[in-house]
Amino acid sequence: MRFLCLTISFLIFSLNQVSAQQESPIHGTTILETTTSWDGKPLQYPKGEAKVTGVLIEIAPGAETGWHLHPAPNFGYVLEGMLEVKLEDGQAKQLNAGEALAEVVNTYHNGKNIGDIPVKIVVFYAGITDQELTKMKE
């Protein structure tokens, strides 16, 4: 009898835990998990005092970022619009609202808004203190 009571108690506890998980008002969805940038190169963090910077970038329809590179890993999430990122070798990646990417590091690239509305992209840079986020091509 004691075994039966313990088994029933365990089942009730388990069902309550499952129910609580299903009814949780907080849900997490992984939007990006990678060890490489979008061009397939391994991500490596710079040495030094860590500094994380978050930036909301807006790009008007038809506008371009200009050729530039980032010396540290950075990760972007497109909130609105359509963005095309091109490398000098011709590789290209198109991103739409709701998509994320690990940007290329120390590789020149150009971003262009290819849609009819402004692109809004949140970018987080995982660099070091006193390091530039972006270097424009001369």
N, C-alpha and C. Protein backbone atom coordinates (compact mmCIF):
# COMPACT_ATOMS: atom_id res chain seq x y z
N MET A 1 0.83 -1.19 0.00
CA MET A 1 0.00 0.00 0.00
C MET A 1 0.87 1.25 0.00
N ARG A 2 1.92 1.19 0.82
CA ARG A 2 2.82 2.35 0.89
C ARG A 2 3.45 2.61 -0.48
N PHE A 3 3.84 1.53 -1.17
CA PHE A 3 4.43 1.64 -2.50
C PHE A 3 3.45 2.30 -3.46
N LEU A 4 2.19 1.89 -3.39
CA LEU A 4 1.15 2.46 -4.26
C LEU A 4 0.98 3.95 -3.99
N CYS A 5 0.96 4.36 -2.73
CA CYS A 5 0.82 5.78 -2.37
C CYS A 5 2.02 6.58 -2.89
N LEU A 6 3.23 6.03 -2.76
CA LEU A 6 4.43 6.71 -3.26
C LEU A 6 4.38 6.84 -4.78
N THR A 7 3.95 5.78 -5.46
CA THR A 7 3.86 5.81 -6.91
C THR A 7 2.85 6.85 -7.37
N ILE A 8 1.69 6.90 -6.74
CA ILE A 8 0.66 7.89 -7.10
C ILE A 8 1.18 9.30 -6.82
N SER A 9 1.83 9.50 -5.69
CA SER A 9 2.38 10.82 -5.36
C SER A 9 3.40 11.26 -6.41
N PHE A 10 4.26 10.33 -6.82
CA PHE A 10 5.27 10.64 -7.82
C PHE A 10 4.61 11.01 -9.15
N LEU A 11 3.60 10.26 -9.56
CA LEU A 11 2.90 10.56 -10.81
C LEU A 11 2.22 11.93 -10.77
N ILE A 12 1.57 12.24 -9.66
CA ILE A 12 0.92 13.55 -9.52
C ILE A 12 1.96 14.66 -9.59
N PHE A 13 3.10 14.48 -8.88
CA PHE A 13 4.17 15.48 -8.91
C PHE A 13 4.69 15.65 -10.33
N SER A 14 4.91 14.55 -11.05
CA SER A 14 5.42 14.60 -12.42
C SER A 14 4.45 15.31 -13.35
N LEU A 15 3.17 14.99 -13.23
CA LEU A 15 2.16 15.65 -14.06
C LEU A 15 2.09 17.15 -13.77
N ASN A 16 2.21 17.52 -12.51
CA ASN A 16 2.21 18.95 -12.16
C ASN A 16 3.41 19.67 -12.76
N GLN A 17 4.58 18.99 -12.78
CA GLN A 17 5.78 19.60 -13.35
C GLN A 17 5.61 19.79 -14.86
N VAL A 18 5.09 18.79 -15.55
CA VAL A 18 4.86 18.90 -17.00
C VAL A 18 3.86 20.01 -17.28
N SER A 19 2.78 20.05 -16.50
CA SER A 19 1.76 21.08 -16.68
C SER A 19 2.34 22.46 -16.44
N ALA A 20 3.17 22.60 -15.41
CA ALA A 20 3.78 23.90 -15.11
C ALA A 20 4.70 24.34 -16.24
N GLN A 21 5.43 23.38 -16.85
CA GLN A 21 6.32 23.73 -17.95
C GLN A 21 5.53 24.17 -19.17
N GLN A 22 4.41 23.55 -19.44
CA GLN A 22 3.61 23.89 -20.60
C GLN A 22 2.90 25.23 -20.42
N GLU A 23 2.61 25.61 -19.20
CA GLU A 23 1.88 26.83 -18.93
C GLU A 23 2.79 28.02 -18.63
N SER A 24 4.09 27.83 -18.69
CA SER A 24 5.04 28.88 -18.35
C SER A 24 4.86 30.09 -19.28
N PRO A 25 4.86 31.30 -18.72
CA PRO A 25 4.72 32.50 -19.56
C PRO A 25 6.05 32.90 -20.21
N ILE A 26 7.12 32.16 -19.94
CA ILE A 26 8.43 32.48 -20.49
C ILE A 26 8.88 31.32 -21.37
N HIS A 27 9.24 31.62 -22.61
CA HIS A 27 9.70 30.61 -23.55
C HIS A 27 10.99 31.11 -24.19
N GLY A 28 11.93 30.24 -24.39
CA GLY A 28 13.17 30.59 -25.05
C GLY A 28 13.29 29.89 -26.39
N THR A 29 13.72 30.63 -27.42
CA THR A 29 13.94 30.07 -28.74
C THR A 29 15.35 30.44 -29.17
N THR A 30 16.16 29.46 -29.47
CA THR A 30 17.51 29.72 -29.94
C THR A 30 17.43 30.29 -31.35
N ILE A 31 18.01 31.48 -31.54
CA ILE A 31 17.99 32.10 -32.87
C ILE A 31 19.32 31.93 -33.60
N LEU A 32 20.38 31.61 -32.84
CA LEU A 32 21.68 31.41 -33.46
C LEU A 32 22.56 30.61 -32.51
N GLU A 33 23.18 29.56 -33.03
CA GLU A 33 24.15 28.79 -32.27
C GLU A 33 25.16 28.27 -33.28
N THR A 34 26.39 28.76 -33.21
CA THR A 34 27.38 28.39 -34.20
C THR A 34 28.79 28.55 -33.65
N THR A 35 29.72 27.89 -34.28
CA THR A 35 31.13 28.05 -33.95
C THR A 35 31.87 28.72 -35.10
N THR A 36 31.13 29.06 -36.17
CA THR A 36 31.73 29.69 -37.34
C THR A 36 30.93 30.92 -37.76
N SER A 37 31.58 31.81 -38.49
CA SER A 37 30.87 32.93 -39.11
C SER A 37 30.13 32.39 -40.33
N TRP A 38 29.31 33.22 -40.99
CA TRP A 38 28.47 32.70 -42.07
C TRP A 38 29.28 32.23 -43.27
N ASP A 39 30.55 32.65 -43.39
CA ASP A 39 31.38 32.17 -44.49
C ASP A 39 32.15 30.90 -44.13
N GLY A 40 31.86 30.32 -42.94
CA GLY A 40 32.43 29.04 -42.55
C GLY A 40 33.73 29.09 -41.76
N LYS A 41 34.25 30.30 -41.49
CA LYS A 41 35.50 30.41 -40.74
C LYS A 41 35.22 30.31 -39.24
N PRO A 42 36.14 29.66 -38.49
CA PRO A 42 35.93 29.51 -37.05
C PRO A 42 35.95 30.86 -36.33
N LEU A 43 35.09 31.00 -35.34
CA LEU A 43 35.05 32.22 -34.52
C LEU A 43 36.14 32.14 -33.46
N GLN A 44 36.85 33.25 -33.28
CA GLN A 44 37.88 33.33 -32.24
C GLN A 44 37.76 34.69 -31.57
N TYR A 45 37.77 34.69 -30.25
CA TYR A 45 37.66 35.94 -29.51
C TYR A 45 39.03 36.59 -29.38
N PRO A 46 39.08 37.92 -29.46
CA PRO A 46 40.36 38.60 -29.30
C PRO A 46 40.84 38.51 -27.85
N LYS A 47 42.16 38.66 -27.67
CA LYS A 47 42.73 38.64 -26.31
C LYS A 47 42.70 40.05 -25.76
N GLY A 48 42.38 40.18 -24.48
CA GLY A 48 42.31 41.48 -23.83
C GLY A 48 41.12 41.54 -22.90
N GLU A 49 40.87 42.74 -22.39
CA GLU A 49 39.73 42.95 -21.49
C GLU A 49 38.44 42.93 -22.31
N ALA A 50 37.58 41.95 -22.02
CA ALA A 50 36.35 41.75 -22.79
C ALA A 50 35.44 42.97 -22.72
N LYS A 51 34.81 43.26 -23.86
CA LYS A 51 33.84 44.35 -23.95
C LYS A 51 32.77 43.93 -24.95
N VAL A 52 31.52 43.93 -24.53
CA VAL A 52 30.40 43.61 -25.40
C VAL A 52 29.65 44.90 -25.69
N THR A 53 29.34 45.12 -26.97
CA THR A 53 28.62 46.33 -27.38
C THR A 53 27.42 45.92 -28.22
N GLY A 54 26.25 46.45 -27.92
CA GLY A 54 25.06 46.21 -28.71
C GLY A 54 24.66 47.48 -29.45
N VAL A 55 24.35 47.34 -30.74
CA VAL A 55 24.01 48.50 -31.57
C VAL A 55 22.78 48.18 -32.41
N LEU A 56 21.84 49.13 -32.47
CA LEU A 56 20.72 49.03 -33.39
C LEU A 56 21.10 49.82 -34.63
N ILE A 57 21.20 49.14 -35.76
CA ILE A 57 21.60 49.76 -37.02
C ILE A 57 20.38 49.85 -37.93
N GLU A 58 20.20 51.02 -38.55
CA GLU A 58 19.11 51.22 -39.50
C GLU A 58 19.70 51.60 -40.86
N ILE A 59 19.23 50.95 -41.91
CA ILE A 59 19.72 51.19 -43.26
C ILE A 59 18.52 51.50 -44.15
N ALA A 60 18.53 52.66 -44.80
CA ALA A 60 17.43 53.09 -45.66
C ALA A 60 17.33 52.19 -46.90
N PRO A 61 16.14 52.09 -47.50
CA PRO A 61 15.99 51.29 -48.72
C PRO A 61 17.01 51.72 -49.79
N GLY A 62 17.70 50.73 -50.36
CA GLY A 62 18.69 50.99 -51.39
C GLY A 62 20.05 51.41 -50.88
N ALA A 63 20.17 51.76 -49.61
CA ALA A 63 21.44 52.23 -49.05
C ALA A 63 22.39 51.06 -48.79
N GLU A 64 23.69 51.38 -48.76
CA GLU A 64 24.72 50.38 -48.51
C GLU A 64 25.60 50.83 -47.35
N THR A 65 26.21 49.87 -46.68
CA THR A 65 27.09 50.18 -45.56
C THR A 65 28.45 50.67 -46.01
N GLY A 66 28.87 50.31 -47.21
CA GLY A 66 30.23 50.53 -47.67
C GLY A 66 31.09 49.35 -47.23
N TRP A 67 32.20 49.13 -47.93
CA TRP A 67 33.06 48.00 -47.63
C TRP A 67 33.76 48.24 -46.31
N HIS A 68 33.65 47.27 -45.42
CA HIS A 68 34.20 47.40 -44.08
C HIS A 68 34.46 46.01 -43.50
N LEU A 69 35.17 45.98 -42.38
CA LEU A 69 35.38 44.72 -41.66
C LEU A 69 35.22 44.95 -40.17
N HIS A 70 35.07 43.87 -39.44
CA HIS A 70 34.96 43.89 -37.99
C HIS A 70 36.10 43.05 -37.43
N PRO A 71 36.92 43.60 -36.51
CA PRO A 71 38.04 42.85 -35.97
C PRO A 71 37.67 41.85 -34.87
N ALA A 72 36.42 41.81 -34.47
CA ALA A 72 35.98 40.88 -33.42
C ALA A 72 34.66 40.24 -33.84
N PRO A 73 34.34 39.08 -33.29
CA PRO A 73 33.07 38.44 -33.61
C PRO A 73 31.89 39.35 -33.30
N ASN A 74 30.89 39.30 -34.17
CA ASN A 74 29.65 40.03 -33.91
C ASN A 74 28.49 39.23 -34.48
N PHE A 75 27.35 39.45 -33.87
CA PHE A 75 26.18 38.63 -34.16
C PHE A 75 24.99 39.54 -34.39
N GLY A 76 24.31 39.38 -35.53
CA GLY A 76 23.20 40.26 -35.86
C GLY A 76 21.88 39.54 -35.94
N TYR A 77 20.82 40.29 -35.62
CA TYR A 77 19.45 39.78 -35.73
C TYR A 77 18.62 40.85 -36.43
N VAL A 78 18.03 40.49 -37.57
CA VAL A 78 17.25 41.44 -38.36
C VAL A 78 15.84 41.56 -37.78
N LEU A 79 15.50 42.78 -37.38
CA LEU A 79 14.17 43.05 -36.84
C LEU A 79 13.17 43.35 -37.95
N GLU A 80 13.63 44.12 -38.95
CA GLU A 80 12.75 44.51 -40.07
C GLU A 80 13.57 44.60 -41.35
N GLY A 81 12.92 44.36 -42.48
CA GLY A 81 13.54 44.58 -43.78
C GLY A 81 14.28 43.38 -44.33
N MET A 82 15.00 43.65 -45.47
CA MET A 82 15.77 42.61 -46.17
C MET A 82 17.17 43.15 -46.43
N LEU A 83 18.17 42.42 -45.95
CA LEU A 83 19.56 42.83 -46.05
C LEU A 83 20.35 41.80 -46.84
N GLU A 84 21.17 42.28 -47.77
CA GLU A 84 22.09 41.40 -48.47
C GLU A 84 23.51 41.79 -48.07
N VAL A 85 24.31 40.79 -47.68
CA VAL A 85 25.70 41.01 -47.31
C VAL A 85 26.56 40.29 -48.34
N LYS A 86 27.52 41.03 -48.92
CA LYS A 86 28.40 40.45 -49.93
C LYS A 86 29.85 40.53 -49.50
N LEU A 87 30.63 39.51 -49.87
CA LEU A 87 32.06 39.48 -49.67
C LEU A 87 32.74 39.88 -50.97
N GLU A 88 34.01 40.25 -50.89
CA GLU A 88 34.75 40.65 -52.08
C GLU A 88 34.87 39.53 -53.10
N ASP A 89 34.83 38.28 -52.65
CA ASP A 89 34.95 37.14 -53.58
C ASP A 89 33.62 36.79 -54.24
N GLY A 90 32.56 37.56 -53.94
CA GLY A 90 31.27 37.34 -54.58
C GLY A 90 30.27 36.56 -53.74
N GLN A 91 30.73 35.90 -52.66
CA GLN A 91 29.78 35.20 -51.79
C GLN A 91 28.76 36.20 -51.26
N ALA A 92 27.52 35.77 -51.14
CA ALA A 92 26.47 36.67 -50.64
C ALA A 92 25.54 35.90 -49.71
N LYS A 93 24.96 36.65 -48.79
CA LYS A 93 23.99 36.09 -47.83
C LYS A 93 22.85 37.08 -47.74
N GLN A 94 21.62 36.60 -47.88
CA GLN A 94 20.44 37.45 -47.73
C GLN A 94 19.77 37.13 -46.41
N LEU A 95 19.41 38.19 -45.69
CA LEU A 95 18.74 38.05 -44.40
C LEU A 95 17.42 38.79 -44.42
N ASN A 96 16.41 38.16 -43.87
CA ASN A 96 15.09 38.78 -43.75
C ASN A 96 14.75 38.94 -42.28
N ALA A 97 13.73 39.71 -42.00
CA ALA A 97 13.28 39.90 -40.62
C ALA A 97 13.12 38.55 -39.93
N GLY A 98 13.65 38.46 -38.70
CA GLY A 98 13.56 37.24 -37.92
C GLY A 98 14.73 36.30 -38.11
N GLU A 99 15.71 36.68 -38.93
CA GLU A 99 16.87 35.83 -39.15
C GLU A 99 18.11 36.42 -38.48
N ALA A 100 19.04 35.54 -38.12
CA ALA A 100 20.26 35.95 -37.43
C ALA A 100 21.47 35.40 -38.16
N LEU A 101 22.64 36.01 -37.90
CA LEU A 101 23.87 35.48 -38.45
C LEU A 101 25.05 35.86 -37.57
N ALA A 102 26.10 35.05 -37.66
CA ALA A 102 27.39 35.38 -37.09
C ALA A 102 28.17 36.02 -38.24
N GLU A 103 28.47 37.29 -38.10
CA GLU A 103 29.10 38.05 -39.17
C GLU A 103 30.55 37.60 -39.37
N VAL A 104 31.08 37.87 -40.55
CA VAL A 104 32.47 37.55 -40.85
C VAL A 104 33.40 38.44 -40.02
N VAL A 105 34.58 37.92 -39.70
CA VAL A 105 35.56 38.64 -38.89
C VAL A 105 36.81 38.88 -39.74
N ASN A 106 37.32 40.12 -39.69
CA ASN A 106 38.52 40.50 -40.45
C ASN A 106 38.40 40.19 -41.93
N THR A 107 37.20 40.30 -42.46
CA THR A 107 36.92 40.07 -43.88
C THR A 107 36.06 41.23 -44.38
N TYR A 108 36.52 41.89 -45.44
CA TYR A 108 35.74 43.01 -45.97
C TYR A 108 34.43 42.52 -46.56
N HIS A 109 33.38 43.26 -46.26
CA HIS A 109 32.05 42.95 -46.76
C HIS A 109 31.24 44.23 -46.87
N ASN A 110 30.14 44.16 -47.61
CA ASN A 110 29.26 45.30 -47.82
C ASN A 110 27.82 44.85 -47.61
N GLY A 111 27.06 45.62 -46.85
CA GLY A 111 25.65 45.31 -46.63
C GLY A 111 24.78 46.26 -47.44
N LYS A 112 23.72 45.75 -48.01
CA LYS A 112 22.81 46.58 -48.81
C LYS A 112 21.36 46.23 -48.47
N ASN A 113 20.56 47.28 -48.26
CA ASN A 113 19.12 47.09 -48.07
C ASN A 113 18.51 46.83 -49.44
N ILE A 114 17.99 45.62 -49.64
CA ILE A 114 17.43 45.26 -50.94
C ILE A 114 15.90 45.26 -50.91
N GLY A 115 15.34 45.83 -49.85
CA GLY A 115 13.88 45.88 -49.73
C GLY A 115 13.33 47.28 -49.88
N ASP A 116 12.04 47.42 -49.59
CA ASP A 116 11.33 48.69 -49.73
C ASP A 116 11.15 49.44 -48.42
N ILE A 117 11.56 48.83 -47.31
CA ILE A 117 11.45 49.48 -46.01
C ILE A 117 12.83 49.52 -45.36
N PRO A 118 13.04 50.39 -44.37
CA PRO A 118 14.35 50.40 -43.70
C PRO A 118 14.67 49.06 -43.06
N VAL A 119 15.94 48.68 -43.15
CA VAL A 119 16.43 47.50 -42.43
C VAL A 119 16.74 47.96 -41.01
N LYS A 120 16.29 47.20 -40.05
CA LYS A 120 16.65 47.41 -38.65
C LYS A 120 17.28 46.11 -38.18
N ILE A 121 18.55 46.21 -37.76
CA ILE A 121 19.28 45.03 -37.32
C ILE A 121 19.98 45.34 -36.01
N VAL A 122 19.81 44.46 -35.04
CA VAL A 122 20.50 44.58 -33.76
C VAL A 122 21.78 43.76 -33.87
N VAL A 123 22.91 44.39 -33.56
CA VAL A 123 24.20 43.72 -33.66
C VAL A 123 24.91 43.78 -32.30
N PHE A 124 25.44 42.64 -31.87
CA PHE A 124 26.22 42.56 -30.64
C PHE A 124 27.65 42.20 -31.00
N TYR A 125 28.58 43.06 -30.60
CA TYR A 125 30.01 42.87 -30.86
C TYR A 125 30.66 42.30 -29.60
N ALA A 126 31.42 41.21 -29.75
CA ALA A 126 32.13 40.59 -28.63
C ALA A 126 33.62 40.88 -28.79
N GLY A 127 34.00 42.11 -28.44
CA GLY A 127 35.37 42.55 -28.64
C GLY A 127 36.11 42.77 -27.35
N ILE A 128 37.05 43.70 -27.41
CA ILE A 128 37.84 44.07 -26.24
C ILE A 128 37.86 45.59 -26.10
N THR A 129 38.18 46.05 -24.91
CA THR A 129 38.26 47.47 -24.62
C THR A 129 39.22 48.15 -25.60
N ASP A 130 38.87 49.34 -26.04
CA ASP A 130 39.68 50.17 -26.94
C ASP A 130 39.84 49.58 -28.34
N GLN A 131 39.04 48.62 -28.71
CA GLN A 131 39.08 48.06 -30.07
C GLN A 131 37.95 48.66 -30.90
N GLU A 132 38.26 49.05 -32.12
CA GLU A 132 37.21 49.56 -33.01
C GLU A 132 36.20 48.45 -33.31
N LEU A 133 34.94 48.84 -33.47
CA LEU A 133 33.92 47.86 -33.85
C LEU A 133 33.97 47.58 -35.34
N THR A 134 34.28 48.64 -36.10
CA THR A 134 34.26 48.57 -37.57
C THR A 134 35.42 49.36 -38.15
N LYS A 135 36.03 48.82 -39.19
CA LYS A 135 37.09 49.52 -39.93
C LYS A 135 36.63 49.62 -41.38
N MET A 136 36.52 50.84 -41.89
CA MET A 136 36.12 51.05 -43.29
C MET A 136 37.31 50.75 -44.20
N LYS A 137 37.01 50.28 -45.40
CA LYS A 137 38.06 50.02 -46.38
C LYS A 137 38.54 51.35 -46.95
N GLU A 138 39.83 51.49 -47.07
CA GLU A 138 40.40 52.75 -47.60
C GLU A 138 40.40 52.79 -49.08
